[in-house]
PDB file of N, CA and C in Angstrom:
ATOM      1  N   UNK A   1      74.114 172.697  75.709  1.00  0.00           N
ATOM      2  CA  UNK A   1      73.503 174.010  75.696  1.00  0.00           C
ATOM      3  C   UNK A   1      73.620 174.615  77.094  1.00  0.00           C
ATOM      4  N   UNK A   2      74.148 175.832  77.160  1.00  0.00           N
ATOM      5  CA  UNK A   2      74.417 176.484  78.435  1.00  0.00           C
ATOM      6  C   UNK A   2      73.143 176.798  79.238  1.00  0.00           C
ATOM      7  N   UNK A   3      72.131 177.304  78.552  1.00  0.00           N
ATOM      8  CA  UNK A   3      70.883 177.680  79.226  1.00  0.00           C
ATOM      9  C   UNK A   3      70.206 176.452  79.814  1.00  0.00           C
ATOM     10  N   UNK A   4      70.206 175.379  79.051  1.00  0.00           N
ATOM     11  CA  UNK A   4      69.574 174.143  79.518  1.00  0.00           C
ATOM     12  C   UNK A   4      70.250 173.638  80.796  1.00  0.00           C
ATOM     13  N   UNK A   5      71.576 173.670  80.814  1.00  0.00           N
ATOM     14  CA  UNK A   5      72.318 173.223  82.009  1.00  0.00           C
ATOM     15  C   UNK A   5      72.050 174.126  83.199  1.00  0.00           C
ATOM     16  N   UNK A   6      72.006 175.438  82.961  1.00  0.00           N
ATOM     17  CA  UNK A   6      71.754 176.394  84.039  1.00  0.00           C
ATOM     18  C   UNK A   6      70.365 176.178  84.637  1.00  0.00           C
ATOM     19  N   UNK A   7      69.360 176.044  83.794  1.00  0.00           N
ATOM     20  CA  UNK A   7      67.997 175.823  84.285  1.00  0.00           C
ATOM     21  C   UNK A   7      67.872 174.487  85.002  1.00  0.00           C
ATOM     22  N   UNK A   8      68.556 173.462  84.493  1.00  0.00           N
ATOM     23  CA  UNK A   8      68.530 172.160  85.157  1.00  0.00           C
ATOM     24  C   UNK A   8      69.143 172.274  86.551  1.00  0.00           C
ATOM     25  N   UNK A   9      70.250 172.990  86.643  1.00  0.00           N
ATOM     26  CA  UNK A   9      70.889 173.192  87.944  1.00  0.00           C
ATOM     27  C   UNK A   9      70.016 173.979  88.904  1.00  0.00           C
ATOM     28  N   UNK A  10      69.276 174.937  88.392  1.00  0.00           N
ATOM     29  CA  UNK A  10      68.398 175.738  89.252  1.00  0.00           C
ATOM     30  C   UNK A  10      67.268 174.901  89.833  1.00  0.00           C
ATOM     31  N   UNK A  11      66.578 174.136  88.983  1.00  0.00           N
ATOM     32  CA  UNK A  11      65.427 173.397  89.527  1.00  0.00           C
ATOM     33  C   UNK A  11      65.870 172.231  90.404  1.00  0.00           C
ATOM     34  N   UNK A  12      66.945 171.552  90.029  1.00  0.00           N
ATOM     35  CA  UNK A  12      67.402 170.444  90.873  1.00  0.00           C
ATOM     36  C   UNK A  12      68.024 170.965  92.164  1.00  0.00           C
ATOM     37  N   UNK A  13      68.680 172.123  92.095  1.00  0.00           N
ATOM     38  CA  UNK A  13      69.275 172.708  93.298  1.00  0.00           C
ATOM     39  C   UNK A  13      68.226 173.119  94.313  1.00  0.00           C
ATOM     40  N   UNK A  14      67.168 173.760  93.850  1.00  0.00           N
ATOM     41  CA  UNK A  14      66.109 174.172  94.778  1.00  0.00           C
ATOM     42  C   UNK A  14      65.377 172.963  95.348  1.00  0.00           C
ATOM     43  N   UNK A  15      65.146 171.969  94.531  1.00  0.00           N
ATOM     44  CA  UNK A  15      64.487 170.757  95.022  1.00  0.00           C
ATOM     45  C   UNK A  15      65.374 170.041  96.040  1.00  0.00           C
ATOM     46  N   UNK A  16      66.660 169.942  95.743  1.00  0.00           N
ATOM     47  CA  UNK A  16      67.594 169.306  96.670  1.00  0.00           C
ATOM     48  C   UNK A  16      67.654 170.068  97.983  1.00  0.00           C
ATOM     49  N   UNK A  17      67.672 171.388  97.910  1.00  0.00           N
ATOM     50  CA  UNK A  17      67.689 172.196  99.131  1.00  0.00           C
ATOM     51  C   UNK A  17      66.452 171.938  99.978  1.00  0.00           C
ATOM     52  N   UNK A  18      65.298 171.895  99.349  1.00  0.00           N
ATOM     53  CA  UNK A  18      64.058 171.651 100.092  1.00  0.00           C
ATOM     54  C   UNK A  18      64.101 170.288 100.779  1.00  0.00           C
ATOM     55  N   UNK A  19      64.571 169.282 100.066  1.00  0.00           N
ATOM     56  CA  UNK A  19      64.628 167.936 100.645  1.00  0.00           C
ATOM     57  C   UNK A  19      65.676 167.841 101.755  1.00  0.00           C
ATOM     58  N   UNK A  20      66.822 168.494 101.557  1.00  0.00           N
ATOM     59  CA  UNK A  20      67.860 168.462 102.589  1.00  0.00           C
ATOM     60  C   UNK A  20      67.444 169.225 103.837  1.00  0.00           C
ATOM     61  N   UNK A  21      66.785 170.376 103.659  1.00  0.00           N
ATOM     62  CA  UNK A  21      66.286 171.113 104.824  1.00  0.00           C
ATOM     63  C   UNK A  21      65.294 170.266 105.617  1.00  0.00           C
ATOM     64  N   UNK A  22      64.425 169.554 104.921  1.00  0.00           N
ATOM     65  CA  UNK A  22      63.462 168.688 105.609  1.00  0.00           C
ATOM     66  C   UNK A  22      64.178 167.557 106.349  1.00  0.00           C
ATOM     67  N   UNK A  23      65.180 166.964 105.712  1.00  0.00           N
ATOM     68  CA  UNK A  23      65.937 165.887 106.361  1.00  0.00           C
ATOM     69  C   UNK A  23      66.692 166.407 107.582  1.00  0.00           C
ATOM     70  N   UNK A  24      67.286 167.585 107.464  1.00  0.00           N
ATOM     71  CA  UNK A  24      67.992 168.168 108.609  1.00  0.00           C
ATOM     72  C   UNK A  24      67.031 168.499 109.744  1.00  0.00           C
ATOM     73  N   UNK A  25      65.865 168.996 109.394  1.00  0.00           N
ATOM     74  CA  UNK A  25      64.845 169.316 110.394  1.00  0.00           C
ATOM     75  C   UNK A  25      64.488 168.064 111.211  1.00  0.00           C
ATOM     76  N   UNK A  26      64.194 166.985 110.502  1.00  0.00           N
ATOM     77  CA  UNK A  26      63.845 165.729 111.173  1.00  0.00           C
ATOM     78  C   UNK A  26      65.046 165.208 111.964  1.00  0.00           C
ATOM     79  N   UNK A  27      66.236 165.324 111.394  1.00  0.00           N
ATOM     80  CA  UNK A  27      67.438 164.884 112.094  1.00  0.00           C
ATOM     81  C   UNK A  27      67.666 165.637 113.389  1.00  0.00           C
ATOM     82  N   UNK A  28      67.465 166.943 113.363  1.00  0.00           N
ATOM     83  CA  UNK A  28      67.618 167.721 114.585  1.00  0.00           C
ATOM     84  C   UNK A  28      66.563 167.359 115.615  1.00  0.00           C
ATOM     85  N   UNK A  29      65.337 167.107 115.160  1.00  0.00           N
ATOM     86  CA  UNK A  29      64.279 166.739 116.099  1.00  0.00           C
ATOM     87  C   UNK A  29      64.586 165.403 116.773  1.00  0.00           C
ATOM     88  N   UNK A  30      65.156 164.468 116.020  1.00  0.00           N
ATOM     89  CA  UNK A  30      65.463 163.152 116.575  1.00  0.00           C
ATOM     90  C   UNK A  30      66.762 163.132 117.366  1.00  0.00           C
ATOM     91  N   UNK A  31      67.755 163.876 116.931  1.00  0.00           N
ATOM     92  CA  UNK A  31      69.081 163.761 117.517  1.00  0.00           C
ATOM     93  C   UNK A  31      69.394 164.732 118.636  1.00  0.00           C
ATOM     94  N   UNK A  32      68.791 165.886 118.600  1.00  0.00           N
ATOM     95  CA  UNK A  32      69.123 166.917 119.584  1.00  0.00           C
ATOM     96  C   UNK A  32      67.862 167.334 120.323  1.00  0.00           C
ATOM     97  N   UNK A  33      67.532 166.640 121.382  1.00  0.00           N
ATOM     98  CA  UNK A  33      66.278 166.892 122.086  1.00  0.00           C
ATOM     99  C   UNK A  33      66.246 168.283 122.718  1.00  0.00           C
ATOM    100  N   UNK A  34      67.417 168.837 123.068  1.00  0.00           N
ATOM    101  CA  UNK A  34      67.419 170.176 123.656  1.00  0.00           C
ATOM    102  C   UNK A  34      67.089 171.263 122.628  1.00  0.00           C
ATOM    103  N   UNK A  35      67.256 170.987 121.347  1.00  0.00           N
ATOM    104  CA  UNK A  35      66.875 171.935 120.304  1.00  0.00           C
ATOM    105  C   UNK A  35      65.452 171.712 119.797  1.00  0.00           C
ATOM    106  N   UNK A  36      64.885 170.566 120.097  1.00  0.00           N
ATOM    107  CA  UNK A  36      63.554 170.230 119.579  1.00  0.00           C
ATOM    108  C   UNK A  36      62.511 171.253 120.011  1.00  0.00           C
ATOM    109  N   UNK A  37      62.652 171.782 121.219  1.00  0.00           N
ATOM    110  CA  UNK A  37      61.693 172.782 121.689  1.00  0.00           C
ATOM    111  C   UNK A  37      61.688 174.002 120.776  1.00  0.00           C
ATOM    112  N   UNK A  38      62.857 174.479 120.396  1.00  0.00           N
ATOM    113  CA  UNK A  38      62.947 175.668 119.547  1.00  0.00           C
ATOM    114  C   UNK A  38      62.481 175.398 118.123  1.00  0.00           C
ATOM    115  N   UNK A  39      62.674 174.190 117.662  1.00  0.00           N
ATOM    116  CA  UNK A  39      62.267 173.852 116.301  1.00  0.00           C
ATOM    117  C   UNK A  39      60.777 173.571 116.177  1.00  0.00           C
ATOM    118  N   UNK A  40      60.117 173.299 117.280  1.00  0.00           N
ATOM    119  CA  UNK A  40      58.700 172.953 117.221  1.00  0.00           C
ATOM    120  C   UNK A  40      57.798 174.068 117.749  1.00  0.00           C
ATOM    121  N   UNK A  41      58.342 175.239 118.021  1.00  0.00           N
ATOM    122  CA  UNK A  41      57.478 176.358 118.389  1.00  0.00           C
ATOM    123  C   UNK A  41      56.700 176.783 117.150  1.00  0.00           C
ATOM    124  N   UNK A  42      55.625 177.510 117.365  1.00  0.00           N
ATOM    125  CA  UNK A  42      54.797 177.941 116.240  1.00  0.00           C
ATOM    126  C   UNK A  42      55.607 178.734 115.229  1.00  0.00           C
ATOM    127  N   UNK A  43      56.400 179.672 115.706  1.00  0.00           N
ATOM    128  CA  UNK A  43      57.167 180.508 114.780  1.00  0.00           C
ATOM    129  C   UNK A  43      58.211 179.693 114.023  1.00  0.00           C
ATOM    130  N   UNK A  44      58.823 178.709 114.681  1.00  0.00           N
ATOM    131  CA  UNK A  44      59.803 177.864 114.010  1.00  0.00           C
ATOM    132  C   UNK A  44      59.178 176.999 112.932  1.00  0.00           C
ATOM    133  N   UNK A  45      58.055 176.394 113.249  1.00  0.00           N
ATOM    134  CA  UNK A  45      57.358 175.546 112.279  1.00  0.00           C
ATOM    135  C   UNK A  45      56.811 176.388 111.129  1.00  0.00           C
ATOM    136  N   UNK A  46      56.273 177.550 111.443  1.00  0.00           N
ATOM    137  CA  UNK A  46      55.743 178.442 110.408  1.00  0.00           C
ATOM    138  C   UNK A  46      56.846 178.871 109.441  1.00  0.00           C
ATOM    139  N   UNK A  47      57.980 179.273 109.978  1.00  0.00           N
ATOM    140  CA  UNK A  47      59.104 179.684 109.134  1.00  0.00           C
ATOM    141  C   UNK A  47      59.583 178.527 108.260  1.00  0.00           C
ATOM    142  N   UNK A  48      59.629 177.333 108.820  1.00  0.00           N
ATOM    143  CA  UNK A  48      60.066 176.165 108.056  1.00  0.00           C
ATOM    144  C   UNK A  48      59.095 175.853 106.921  1.00  0.00           C
ATOM    145  N   UNK A  49      57.813 175.926 107.195  1.00  0.00           N
ATOM    146  CA  UNK A  49      56.806 175.644 106.164  1.00  0.00           C
ATOM    147  C   UNK A  49      56.888 176.685 105.045  1.00  0.00           C
ATOM    148  N   UNK A  50      57.057 177.949 105.401  1.00  0.00           N
ATOM    149  CA  UNK A  50      57.184 179.000 104.380  1.00  0.00           C
ATOM    150  C   UNK A  50      58.437 178.769 103.536  1.00  0.00           C
ATOM    151  N   UNK A  51      59.549 178.436 104.177  1.00  0.00           N
ATOM    152  CA  UNK A  51      60.784 178.157 103.451  1.00  0.00           C
ATOM    153  C   UNK A  51      60.605 177.006 102.468  1.00  0.00           C
ATOM    154  N   UNK A  52      60.014 175.921 102.928  1.00  0.00           N
ATOM    155  CA  UNK A  52      59.792 174.762 102.062  1.00  0.00           C
ATOM    156  C   UNK A  52      58.861 175.110 100.908  1.00  0.00           C
ATOM    157  N   UNK A  53      57.816 175.856 101.189  1.00  0.00           N
ATOM    158  CA  UNK A  53      56.861 176.253 100.142  1.00  0.00           C
ATOM    159  C   UNK A  53      57.559 177.075  99.064  1.00  0.00           C
ATOM    160  N   UNK A  54      58.380 178.034  99.481  1.00  0.00           N
ATOM    161  CA  UNK A  54      59.089 178.882  98.518  1.00  0.00           C
ATOM    162  C   UNK A  54      60.070 178.059  97.697  1.00  0.00           C
ATOM    163  N   UNK A  55      60.787 177.156  98.333  1.00  0.00           N
ATOM    164  CA  UNK A  55      61.747 176.329  97.603  1.00  0.00           C
ATOM    165  C   UNK A  55      61.057 175.402  96.598  1.00  0.00           C
ATOM    166  N   UNK A  56      59.959 174.771  97.001  1.00  0.00           N
ATOM    167  CA  UNK A  56      59.239 173.895  96.075  1.00  0.00           C
ATOM    168  C   UNK A  56      58.616 174.694  94.927  1.00  0.00           C
ATOM    169  N   UNK A  57      58.103 175.872  95.229  1.00  0.00           N
ATOM    170  CA  UNK A  57      57.527 176.715  94.192  1.00  0.00           C
ATOM    171  C   UNK A  57      58.612 177.158  93.209  1.00  0.00           C
ATOM    172  N   UNK A  58      59.764 177.543  93.707  1.00  0.00           N
ATOM    173  CA  UNK A  58      60.875 177.921  92.832  1.00  0.00           C
ATOM    174  C   UNK A  58      61.344 176.766  91.979  1.00  0.00           C
ATOM    175  N   UNK A  59      61.411 175.602  92.591  1.00  0.00           N
ATOM    176  CA  UNK A  59      61.820 174.413  91.848  1.00  0.00           C
ATOM    177  C   UNK A  59      60.830 174.108  90.727  1.00  0.00           C
ATOM    178  N   UNK A  60      59.554 174.231  91.016  1.00  0.00           N
ATOM    179  CA  UNK A  60      58.536 174.005  89.987  1.00  0.00           C
ATOM    180  C   UNK A  60      58.681 175.006  88.854  1.00  0.00           C
ATOM    181  N   UNK A  61      58.900 176.269  89.173  1.00  0.00           N
ATOM    182  CA  UNK A  61      59.060 177.296  88.144  1.00  0.00           C
ATOM    183  C   UNK A  61      60.255 176.989  87.242  1.00  0.00           C
ATOM    184  N   UNK A  62      61.408 176.712  87.844  1.00  0.00           N
ATOM    185  CA  UNK A  62      62.610 176.451  87.042  1.00  0.00           C
ATOM    186  C   UNK A  62      62.477 175.154  86.250  1.00  0.00           C
ATOM    187  N   UNK A  63      61.757 174.176  86.804  1.00  0.00           N
ATOM    188  CA  UNK A  63      61.504 172.941  86.056  1.00  0.00           C
ATOM    189  C   UNK A  63      60.690 173.233  84.802  1.00  0.00           C
ATOM    190  N   UNK A  64      59.650 174.051  84.948  1.00  0.00           N
ATOM    191  CA  UNK A  64      58.823 174.392  83.796  1.00  0.00           C
ATOM    192  C   UNK A  64      59.622 175.136  82.740  1.00  0.00           C
ATOM    193  N   UNK A  65      60.478 176.064  83.165  1.00  0.00           N
ATOM    194  CA  UNK A  65      61.310 176.798  82.216  1.00  0.00           C
ATOM    195  C   UNK A  65      62.321 175.865  81.540  1.00  0.00           C
ATOM    196  N   UNK A  66      62.920 174.957  82.311  1.00  0.00           N
ATOM    197  CA  UNK A  66      63.869 173.990  81.752  1.00  0.00           C
ATOM    198  C   UNK A  66      63.193 173.116  80.709  1.00  0.00           C
ATOM    199  N   UNK A  67      61.975 172.663  81.021  1.00  0.00           N
ATOM    200  CA  UNK A  67      61.235 171.820  80.095  1.00  0.00           C
ATOM    201  C   UNK A  67      60.899 172.572  78.806  1.00  0.00           C
ATOM    202  N   UNK A  68      60.584 173.856  78.929  1.00  0.00           N
ATOM    203  CA  UNK A  68      60.320 174.659  77.731  1.00  0.00           C
ATOM    204  C   UNK A  68      61.555 174.754  76.849  1.00  0.00           C
ATOM    205  N   UNK A  69      62.697 175.000  77.451  1.00  0.00           N
ATOM    206  CA  UNK A  69      63.932 175.118  76.669  1.00  0.00           C
ATOM    207  C   UNK A  69      64.272 173.777  76.032  1.00  0.00           C
ATOM    208  N   UNK A  70      64.098 172.719  76.798  1.00  0.00           N
ATOM    209  CA  UNK A  70      64.409 171.385  76.281  1.00  0.00           C
ATOM    210  C   UNK A  70      63.537 171.033  75.087  1.00  0.00           C
ATOM    211  N   UNK A  71      62.270 171.440  75.130  1.00  0.00           N
ATOM    212  CA  UNK A  71      61.336 171.152  74.034  1.00  0.00           C
ATOM    213  C   UNK A  71      61.356 172.213  72.937  1.00  0.00           C
ATOM    214  N   UNK A  72      62.179 173.251  73.137  1.00  0.00           N
ATOM    215  CA  UNK A  72      62.281 174.358  72.169  1.00  0.00           C
ATOM    216  C   UNK A  72      60.941 175.052  71.965  1.00  0.00           C
ATOM    217  N   UNK A  73      60.223 175.273  73.072  1.00  0.00           N
ATOM    218  CA  UNK A  73      58.931 175.947  73.018  1.00  0.00           C
ATOM    219  C   UNK A  73      59.120 177.451  73.183  1.00  0.00           C
ATOM    220  N   UNK A  74      58.023 178.177  73.092  1.00  0.00           N
ATOM    221  CA  UNK A  74      58.017 179.622  73.306  1.00  0.00           C
ATOM    222  C   UNK A  74      58.567 179.933  74.701  1.00  0.00           C
ATOM    223  N   UNK A  75      59.178 181.092  74.849  1.00  0.00           N
ATOM    224  CA  UNK A  75      59.828 181.410  76.122  1.00  0.00           C
ATOM    225  C   UNK A  75      58.852 181.853  77.210  1.00  0.00           C
ATOM    226  N   UNK A  76      57.619 182.150  76.856  1.00  0.00           N
ATOM    227  CA  UNK A  76      56.631 182.568  77.844  1.00  0.00           C
ATOM    228  C   UNK A  76      55.898 181.355  78.397  1.00  0.00           C
ATOM    229  N   UNK A  77      55.602 181.415  79.693  1.00  0.00           N
ATOM    230  CA  UNK A  77      54.834 180.337  80.306  1.00  0.00           C
ATOM    231  C   UNK A  77      53.388 180.394  79.812  1.00  0.00           C
ATOM    232  N   UNK A  78      52.766 179.240  79.621  1.00  0.00           N
ATOM    233  CA  UNK A  78      51.347 179.232  79.239  1.00  0.00           C
ATOM    234  C   UNK A  78      50.487 179.860  80.335  1.00  0.00           C
ATOM    235  N   UNK A  79      49.333 180.339  79.957  1.00  0.00           N
ATOM    236  CA  UNK A  79      48.465 181.033  80.916  1.00  0.00           C
ATOM    237  C   UNK A  79      48.045 180.122  82.072  1.00  0.00           C
ATOM    238  N   UNK A  80      47.940 178.824  81.838  1.00  0.00           N
ATOM    239  CA  UNK A  80      47.567 177.920  82.935  1.00  0.00           C
ATOM    240  C   UNK A  80      48.653 177.890  84.002  1.00  0.00           C
ATOM    241  N   UNK A  81      49.914 177.948  83.599  1.00  0.00           N
ATOM    242  CA  UNK A  81      51.016 177.990  84.565  1.00  0.00           C
ATOM    243  C   UNK A  81      51.036 179.312  85.321  1.00  0.00           C
ATOM    244  N   UNK A  82      50.759 180.390  84.583  1.00  0.00           N
ATOM    245  CA  UNK A  82      50.729 181.708  85.232  1.00  0.00           C
ATOM    246  C   UNK A  82      49.605 181.759  86.254  1.00  0.00           C
ATOM    247  N   UNK A  83      48.454 181.189  85.919  1.00  0.00           N
ATOM    248  CA  UNK A  83      47.339 181.142  86.870  1.00  0.00           C
ATOM    249  C   UNK A  83      47.721 180.336  88.112  1.00  0.00           C
ATOM    250  N   UNK A  84      48.456 179.248  87.919  1.00  0.00           N
ATOM    251  CA  UNK A  84      48.910 178.438  89.048  1.00  0.00           C
ATOM    252  C   UNK A  84      49.806 179.251  89.966  1.00  0.00           C
ATOM    253  N   UNK A  85      50.749 179.983  89.409  1.00  0.00           N
ATOM    254  CA  UNK A  85      51.661 180.774  90.231  1.00  0.00           C
ATOM    255  C   UNK A  85      50.963 181.961  90.882  1.00  0.00           C
ATOM    256  N   UNK A  86      49.963 182.515  90.231  1.00  0.00           N
ATOM    257  CA  UNK A  86      49.175 183.568  90.867  1.00  0.00           C
ATOM    258  C   UNK A  86      48.397 183.027  92.067  1.00  0.00           C
ATOM    259  N   UNK A  87      47.895 181.810  91.929  1.00  0.00           N
ATOM    260  CA  UNK A  87      47.204 181.153  93.039  1.00  0.00           C
ATOM    261  C   UNK A  87      48.175 180.882  94.192  1.00  0.00           C
ATOM    262  N   UNK A  88      49.351 180.386  93.864  1.00  0.00           N
ATOM    263  CA  UNK A  88      50.349 180.095  94.891  1.00  0.00           C
ATOM    264  C   UNK A  88      50.857 181.370  95.570  1.00  0.00           C
ATOM    265  N   UNK A  89      50.836 182.476  94.844  1.00  0.00           N
ATOM    266  CA  UNK A  89      51.294 183.742  95.406  1.00  0.00           C
ATOM    267  C   UNK A  89      50.405 184.193  96.563  1.00  0.00           C
ATOM    268  N   UNK A  90      49.121 183.880  96.448  1.00  0.00           N
ATOM    269  CA  UNK A  90      48.186 184.265  97.509  1.00  0.00           C
ATOM    270  C   UNK A  90      48.389 183.412  98.710  1.00  0.00           C
TER     271      UNK A  90
END
């Protein structure tokens, strides 16, 4: 099924990106001490945390949609999921 594969690729891709960005971040901190200062400033850490949060949130959303398609459920997210994303939006 094309939709199932697309949704699977979306959630695994976003999750992989989040994990790889975190690994690269740690790698740069350990391997390149002259860059560590720039990566550990408040603005650098803040931007990294926001990026990771958005990627994990996107991965969760696409995972939920993939699971719905896999189970052949209704195409709308349940209200509990919508409440979760409204909370995360704040």
